[in-house]
Amino acid sequence: MSTIRGTTALGSVTAKRQVYSPLETYWNSFQEWRKRRRLLTKLRDLSDRELMDIGITRSEIDYLASQGGCNPRGVLSGE
């Protein structure tokens, strides 16, 4: 037989409301576009030597920045 002694304090419970917003898709797309633009700007600011160090050429910058999830050689993640 076991006896439970003591109490636990109950905190306030808040339910997250899941609301679908038609603008959410556009907002997420806009955020992804901004992230790609920042990447493009940062890569364009690098010198040719720095680009060579991470294994890409200047001609690959536009391709890498435009392909959201594409990282064919793993150069952006440091693989």
Protein backbone atom coordinates (compact mmCIF):
# COMPACT_ATOMS: atom_id res chain seq x y z
CA MET A 1 0.00 0.00 0.00
CA SER A 2 1.35 3.46 -0.84
CA THR A 3 0.44 6.82 0.47
CA ILE A 4 0.98 9.98 -1.51
CA ARG A 5 1.87 12.96 0.57
CA GLY A 6 2.23 16.47 -0.68
CA THR A 7 0.58 18.58 -3.29
CA THR A 8 1.61 20.11 -6.53
CA ALA A 9 0.84 23.63 -7.53
CA LEU A 10 -1.25 23.91 -10.63
CA GLY A 11 -0.31 26.62 -13.07
CA SER A 12 -2.63 28.35 -15.41
CA VAL A 13 -3.47 26.36 -18.47
CA THR A 14 -3.76 28.18 -21.74
CA ALA A 15 -4.76 26.50 -24.93
CA LYS A 16 -3.06 27.53 -28.12
CA ARG A 17 -5.65 28.27 -30.67
CA GLN A 18 -4.88 26.95 -34.12
CA VAL A 19 -6.24 29.45 -36.58
CA TYR A 20 -5.54 29.14 -40.26
CA SER A 21 -4.84 32.44 -41.81
CA PRO A 22 -4.79 32.76 -45.59
CA LEU A 23 -2.07 35.35 -45.14
CA GLU A 24 0.15 32.90 -43.27
CA THR A 25 1.25 31.24 -46.51
CA TYR A 26 2.15 34.60 -48.03
CA TRP A 27 3.93 35.72 -44.85
CA ASN A 28 6.02 32.54 -44.73
CA SER A 29 6.90 32.92 -48.40
CA PHE A 30 7.90 36.51 -47.82
CA GLN A 31 10.13 35.50 -44.90
CA GLU A 32 11.81 32.83 -47.03
CA TRP A 33 12.38 35.37 -49.80
CA ARG A 34 13.99 37.76 -47.31
CA LYS A 35 16.23 34.98 -46.01
CA ARG A 36 17.38 34.16 -49.57
CA ARG A 37 18.03 37.85 -50.28
CA ARG A 38 20.19 38.13 -47.13
CA LEU A 39 22.14 35.02 -48.18
CA LEU A 40 22.61 36.44 -51.67
CA THR A 41 23.89 39.72 -50.27
CA LYS A 42 26.30 38.03 -47.88
CA LEU A 43 27.68 35.75 -50.57
CA ARG A 44 28.12 38.62 -53.01
CA ASP A 45 30.06 40.57 -50.37
CA LEU A 46 32.66 37.80 -50.07
CA SER A 47 35.91 38.05 -51.99
CA ASP A 48 36.82 35.51 -54.66
CA ARG A 49 39.33 33.96 -52.25
CA GLU A 50 36.68 33.55 -49.53
CA LEU A 51 34.28 31.99 -52.02
CA MET A 52 37.02 29.61 -53.12
CA ASP A 53 37.57 28.65 -49.47
CA ILE A 54 33.94 27.53 -49.09
CA GLY A 55 34.00 25.80 -52.47
CA ILE A 56 31.78 27.95 -54.67
CA THR A 57 32.38 30.34 -57.51
CA ARG A 58 30.80 33.70 -58.17
CA SER A 59 28.72 32.18 -60.96
CA GLU A 60 27.08 29.77 -58.46
CA ILE A 61 25.91 32.46 -56.04
CA ASP A 62 22.60 33.20 -57.76
CA TYR A 63 21.80 29.50 -58.07
CA LEU A 64 22.57 28.71 -54.43
CA ALA A 65 20.57 31.67 -53.13
CA SER A 66 17.57 30.96 -55.37
CA GLN A 67 17.30 27.29 -54.37
CA GLY A 68 15.80 27.47 -50.89
CA GLY A 69 16.49 23.96 -49.63
CA CYS A 70 19.04 22.99 -52.23
CA ASN A 71 22.64 22.69 -51.13
CA PRO A 72 24.09 20.29 -53.70
CA ARG A 73 27.61 20.03 -52.33
CA GLY A 74 26.93 20.92 -48.70
CA VAL A 75 28.94 24.13 -48.96
CA LEU A 76 26.55 26.32 -47.00
CA SER A 77 26.19 24.00 -44.03
CA GLY A 78 29.90 23.27 -43.70
CA GLU A 79 29.50 19.55 -44.47
